Amino acid sequence: PHAELRDAQRTLLAGVVRRDGEWVLGMDGRIAGHSESAAQVLALIMQAGELHERKGTPVRLVYSDALRDAAQAEAKEKGQTFEEYKAELAAAMAAKKNS
């Protein structure tokens, strides 16, 4: 796996794998989505971790250098840092949720 989000009991909450040229995001034992965008899946699994933390569940997220590097390169191509990309995606998702 390229990323794993686990709780304090080491239960797997979410993960990212690379399959057939796409990044696949799994949550709660099911495929939650897939994308060619490393930045998108890394931002989404980070947001999932932040949600768990806000609800009082301590989590640990580990991710591969390959996923991190691909996400940073993708954001850089758009003229952003990865943190800027992540914030923009979160804002877009919040706006969509509230519409």
N, C-alpha and C. Protein backbone atom coordinates (compact mmCIF):
# COMPACT_ATOMS: atom_id res chain seq x y z
N PRO A 1 0.83 -1.20 0.00
CA PRO A 1 0.00 0.00 0.00
C PRO A 1 0.87 1.26 0.00
N HIS A 2 0.32 2.31 -0.61
CA HIS A 2 1.03 3.58 -0.64
C HIS A 2 0.64 4.49 0.52
N ALA A 3 -0.49 4.21 1.16
CA ALA A 3 -0.89 4.98 2.34
C ALA A 3 -1.79 4.11 3.21
N GLU A 4 -1.65 4.30 4.52
CA GLU A 4 -2.51 3.60 5.47
C GLU A 4 -2.89 4.57 6.58
N LEU A 5 -4.18 4.61 6.88
CA LEU A 5 -4.70 5.39 7.99
C LEU A 5 -5.21 4.40 9.02
N ARG A 6 -4.61 4.43 10.22
CA ARG A 6 -4.97 3.47 11.26
C ARG A 6 -5.31 4.19 12.56
N ASP A 7 -6.18 3.55 13.35
CA ASP A 7 -6.51 4.11 14.66
C ASP A 7 -5.51 3.59 15.70
N ALA A 8 -5.73 3.94 16.97
CA ALA A 8 -4.79 3.58 18.03
C ALA A 8 -4.68 2.06 18.21
N GLN A 9 -5.71 1.31 17.85
CA GLN A 9 -5.68 -0.15 17.93
C GLN A 9 -5.09 -0.77 16.66
N ARG A 10 -4.58 0.07 15.79
CA ARG A 10 -3.97 -0.32 14.51
C ARG A 10 -4.98 -0.89 13.51
N THR A 11 -6.26 -0.60 13.72
CA THR A 11 -7.29 -0.99 12.77
C THR A 11 -7.15 -0.12 11.53
N LEU A 12 -7.16 -0.75 10.37
CA LEU A 12 -7.05 -0.01 9.11
C LEU A 12 -8.37 0.71 8.83
N LEU A 13 -8.31 2.02 8.74
CA LEU A 13 -9.50 2.84 8.47
C LEU A 13 -9.60 3.22 7.00
N ALA A 14 -8.44 3.42 6.38
CA ALA A 14 -8.41 3.81 4.96
C ALA A 14 -7.03 3.49 4.41
N GLY A 15 -6.97 3.31 3.10
CA GLY A 15 -5.69 3.03 2.47
C GLY A 15 -5.69 3.44 1.01
N VAL A 16 -4.49 3.57 0.48
CA VAL A 16 -4.31 3.91 -0.94
C VAL A 16 -3.36 2.89 -1.55
N VAL A 17 -3.76 2.35 -2.69
CA VAL A 17 -2.90 1.46 -3.47
C VAL A 17 -2.85 1.99 -4.90
N ARG A 18 -1.88 1.50 -5.64
CA ARG A 18 -1.75 1.87 -7.06
C ARG A 18 -2.13 0.64 -7.86
N ARG A 19 -3.11 0.79 -8.75
CA ARG A 19 -3.57 -0.34 -9.55
C ARG A 19 -3.86 0.13 -10.97
N ASP A 20 -3.24 -0.54 -11.94
CA ASP A 20 -3.48 -0.25 -13.36
C ASP A 20 -3.32 1.23 -13.68
N GLY A 21 -2.29 1.86 -13.11
CA GLY A 21 -2.01 3.26 -13.41
C GLY A 21 -2.88 4.26 -12.68
N GLU A 22 -3.73 3.78 -11.77
CA GLU A 22 -4.59 4.68 -11.00
C GLU A 22 -4.33 4.50 -9.51
N TRP A 23 -4.57 5.56 -8.77
CA TRP A 23 -4.52 5.52 -7.32
C TRP A 23 -5.92 5.12 -6.84
N VAL A 24 -5.99 4.11 -5.99
CA VAL A 24 -7.27 3.61 -5.50
C VAL A 24 -7.36 3.88 -4.00
N LEU A 25 -8.44 4.54 -3.59
CA LEU A 25 -8.68 4.87 -2.19
C LEU A 25 -9.71 3.90 -1.63
N GLY A 26 -9.34 3.22 -0.56
CA GLY A 26 -10.26 2.32 0.12
C GLY A 26 -10.58 2.85 1.50
N MET A 27 -11.85 2.73 1.89
CA MET A 27 -12.29 3.14 3.23
C MET A 27 -13.31 2.14 3.72
N ASP A 28 -13.20 1.79 5.00
CA ASP A 28 -14.15 0.85 5.61
C ASP A 28 -14.27 -0.44 4.82
N GLY A 29 -13.15 -0.92 4.29
CA GLY A 29 -13.14 -2.20 3.59
C GLY A 29 -13.70 -2.17 2.18
N ARG A 30 -14.03 -0.98 1.67
CA ARG A 30 -14.59 -0.87 0.32
C ARG A 30 -13.81 0.16 -0.49
N ILE A 31 -13.85 0.03 -1.78
CA ILE A 31 -13.23 1.03 -2.65
C ILE A 31 -14.10 2.29 -2.61
N ALA A 32 -13.50 3.38 -2.17
CA ALA A 32 -14.22 4.65 -2.05
C ALA A 32 -14.07 5.50 -3.30
N GLY A 33 -13.05 5.20 -4.09
CA GLY A 33 -12.85 5.95 -5.32
C GLY A 33 -11.49 5.67 -5.90
N HIS A 34 -11.30 6.14 -7.12
CA HIS A 34 -10.01 5.98 -7.78
C HIS A 34 -9.78 7.19 -8.66
N SER A 35 -8.50 7.47 -8.89
CA SER A 35 -8.15 8.67 -9.63
C SER A 35 -6.75 8.52 -10.20
N GLU A 36 -6.49 9.23 -11.27
CA GLU A 36 -5.12 9.33 -11.78
C GLU A 36 -4.34 10.35 -10.97
N SER A 37 -5.04 11.09 -10.10
CA SER A 37 -4.44 12.18 -9.33
C SER A 37 -3.92 11.70 -7.98
N ALA A 38 -2.60 11.67 -7.84
CA ALA A 38 -1.99 11.35 -6.55
C ALA A 38 -2.34 12.42 -5.52
N ALA A 39 -2.34 13.67 -5.95
CA ALA A 39 -2.64 14.77 -5.03
C ALA A 39 -4.05 14.64 -4.47
N GLN A 40 -4.99 14.25 -5.31
CA GLN A 40 -6.37 14.12 -4.86
C GLN A 40 -6.51 13.01 -3.82
N VAL A 41 -5.96 11.83 -4.08
CA VAL A 41 -6.15 10.74 -3.12
C VAL A 41 -5.38 11.00 -1.82
N LEU A 42 -4.21 11.61 -1.91
CA LEU A 42 -3.47 11.92 -0.69
C LEU A 42 -4.23 12.96 0.13
N ALA A 43 -4.76 13.98 -0.53
CA ALA A 43 -5.54 15.00 0.17
C ALA A 43 -6.78 14.39 0.81
N LEU A 44 -7.44 13.48 0.11
CA LEU A 44 -8.66 12.86 0.65
C LEU A 44 -8.37 11.99 1.87
N ILE A 45 -7.30 11.20 1.82
CA ILE A 45 -7.01 10.35 2.98
C ILE A 45 -6.55 11.21 4.16
N MET A 46 -5.90 12.33 3.87
CA MET A 46 -5.53 13.26 4.95
C MET A 46 -6.78 13.88 5.57
N GLN A 47 -7.75 14.23 4.73
CA GLN A 47 -9.00 14.79 5.24
C GLN A 47 -9.74 13.76 6.08
N ALA A 48 -9.71 12.50 5.66
CA ALA A 48 -10.35 11.43 6.45
C ALA A 48 -9.70 11.35 7.83
N GLY A 49 -8.39 11.45 7.86
CA GLY A 49 -7.68 11.44 9.14
C GLY A 49 -8.08 12.61 10.02
N GLU A 50 -8.19 13.78 9.42
CA GLU A 50 -8.59 14.97 10.17
C GLU A 50 -10.00 14.82 10.72
N LEU A 51 -10.90 14.21 9.95
CA LEU A 51 -12.27 13.97 10.42
C LEU A 51 -12.28 13.05 11.63
N HIS A 52 -11.53 11.96 11.56
CA HIS A 52 -11.45 11.04 12.70
C HIS A 52 -10.91 11.75 13.93
N GLU A 53 -9.87 12.57 13.75
CA GLU A 53 -9.27 13.30 14.87
C GLU A 53 -10.29 14.25 15.50
N ARG A 54 -11.05 14.97 14.66
CA ARG A 54 -12.06 15.90 15.18
C ARG A 54 -13.15 15.18 15.96
N LYS A 55 -13.41 13.92 15.58
CA LYS A 55 -14.43 13.14 16.29
C LYS A 55 -13.86 12.43 17.51
N GLY A 56 -12.59 12.69 17.82
CA GLY A 56 -11.99 12.13 19.02
C GLY A 56 -11.26 10.81 18.84
N THR A 57 -11.08 10.37 17.60
CA THR A 57 -10.35 9.13 17.34
C THR A 57 -8.94 9.46 16.88
N PRO A 58 -7.94 9.20 17.74
CA PRO A 58 -6.56 9.44 17.30
C PRO A 58 -6.20 8.49 16.17
N VAL A 59 -5.55 9.01 15.15
CA VAL A 59 -5.17 8.19 14.00
C VAL A 59 -3.71 8.44 13.64
N ARG A 60 -3.18 7.51 12.87
CA ARG A 60 -1.82 7.65 12.34
C ARG A 60 -1.89 7.40 10.84
N LEU A 61 -1.37 8.35 10.08
CA LEU A 61 -1.32 8.22 8.63
C LEU A 61 0.13 8.07 8.20
N VAL A 62 0.40 7.01 7.47
CA VAL A 62 1.72 6.84 6.86
C VAL A 62 1.51 6.71 5.36
N TYR A 63 2.42 7.31 4.59
CA TYR A 63 2.30 7.22 3.14
C TYR A 63 3.68 7.14 2.52
N SER A 64 3.71 6.58 1.34
CA SER A 64 4.98 6.32 0.65
C SER A 64 5.58 7.59 0.08
N ASP A 65 6.89 7.54 -0.11
CA ASP A 65 7.59 8.64 -0.78
C ASP A 65 7.05 8.81 -2.20
N ALA A 66 6.72 7.69 -2.85
CA ALA A 66 6.23 7.75 -4.23
C ALA A 66 4.92 8.53 -4.31
N LEU A 67 4.00 8.27 -3.38
CA LEU A 67 2.73 8.98 -3.37
C LEU A 67 2.95 10.46 -3.04
N ARG A 68 3.76 10.73 -2.03
CA ARG A 68 4.05 12.12 -1.64
C ARG A 68 4.69 12.88 -2.80
N ASP A 69 5.70 12.28 -3.41
CA ASP A 69 6.42 12.96 -4.50
C ASP A 69 5.51 13.21 -5.70
N ALA A 70 4.66 12.23 -6.04
CA ALA A 70 3.74 12.39 -7.16
C ALA A 70 2.72 13.49 -6.86
N ALA A 71 2.23 13.54 -5.62
CA ALA A 71 1.26 14.57 -5.23
C ALA A 71 1.88 15.96 -5.28
N GLN A 72 3.11 16.07 -4.77
CA GLN A 72 3.79 17.37 -4.78
C GLN A 72 4.09 17.82 -6.21
N ALA A 73 4.51 16.90 -7.06
CA ALA A 73 4.82 17.24 -8.46
C ALA A 73 3.56 17.69 -9.19
N GLU A 74 2.46 17.00 -8.92
CA GLU A 74 1.19 17.36 -9.56
C GLU A 74 0.73 18.76 -9.14
N ALA A 75 0.83 19.04 -7.85
CA ALA A 75 0.46 20.37 -7.36
C ALA A 75 1.37 21.44 -7.97
N LYS A 76 2.66 21.14 -8.06
CA LYS A 76 3.62 22.09 -8.62
C LYS A 76 3.28 22.41 -10.07
N GLU A 77 2.83 21.39 -10.83
CA GLU A 77 2.42 21.60 -12.23
C GLU A 77 1.28 22.61 -12.32
N LYS A 78 0.46 22.68 -11.26
CA LYS A 78 -0.67 23.61 -11.22
C LYS A 78 -0.28 24.94 -10.59
N GLY A 79 1.02 25.09 -10.29
CA GLY A 79 1.49 26.33 -9.69
C GLY A 79 1.17 26.47 -8.22
N GLN A 80 0.99 25.33 -7.54
CA GLN A 80 0.63 25.34 -6.13
C GLN A 80 1.59 24.46 -5.33
N THR A 81 1.59 24.69 -4.01
CA THR A 81 2.20 23.71 -3.12
C THR A 81 1.15 22.64 -2.89
N PHE A 82 1.56 21.50 -2.35
CA PHE A 82 0.56 20.47 -2.05
C PHE A 82 -0.43 20.98 -1.01
N GLU A 83 0.06 21.72 -0.02
CA GLU A 83 -0.84 22.25 1.02
C GLU A 83 -1.89 23.18 0.42
N GLU A 84 -1.51 23.98 -0.56
CA GLU A 84 -2.47 24.86 -1.24
C GLU A 84 -3.49 24.02 -2.02
N TYR A 85 -3.02 22.98 -2.69
CA TYR A 85 -3.92 22.09 -3.43
C TYR A 85 -4.92 21.46 -2.47
N LYS A 86 -4.41 20.95 -1.35
CA LYS A 86 -5.26 20.28 -0.36
C LYS A 86 -6.32 21.23 0.18
N ALA A 87 -5.93 22.47 0.48
CA ALA A 87 -6.88 23.46 0.99
C ALA A 87 -7.94 23.80 -0.05
N GLU A 88 -7.53 23.92 -1.31
CA GLU A 88 -8.48 24.22 -2.39
C GLU A 88 -9.48 23.08 -2.57
N LEU A 89 -9.00 21.84 -2.51
CA LEU A 89 -9.89 20.68 -2.63
C LEU A 89 -10.88 20.64 -1.47
N ALA A 90 -10.40 20.89 -0.25
CA ALA A 90 -11.27 20.89 0.92
C ALA A 90 -12.35 21.96 0.79
N ALA A 91 -11.97 23.14 0.32
CA ALA A 91 -12.93 24.23 0.14
C ALA A 91 -13.97 23.87 -0.92
N ALA A 92 -13.52 23.26 -2.01
CA ALA A 92 -14.45 22.86 -3.08
C ALA A 92 -15.42 21.79 -2.58
N MET A 93 -14.92 20.85 -1.79
CA MET A 93 -15.79 19.80 -1.26
C MET A 93 -16.79 20.38 -0.27
N ALA A 94 -16.36 21.33 0.57
CA ALA A 94 -17.26 21.96 1.53
C ALA A 94 -18.34 22.75 0.80
N ALA A 95 -17.96 23.45 -0.26
CA ALA A 95 -18.93 24.23 -1.03
C ALA A 95 -19.95 23.31 -1.69
N LYS A 96 -19.47 22.18 -2.21
CA LYS A 96 -20.37 21.22 -2.86
C LYS A 96 -21.33 20.62 -1.83
N LYS A 97 -20.81 20.32 -0.64
CA LYS A 97 -21.63 19.74 0.42
C LYS A 97 -22.72 20.71 0.87
N ASN A 98 -22.40 22.00 0.88
CA ASN A 98 -23.35 23.01 1.35
C ASN A 98 -24.29 23.52 0.27
N SER A 99 -24.16 23.01 -0.96
CA SER A 99 -25.02 23.52 -2.04
C SER A 99 -26.24 22.64 -2.24
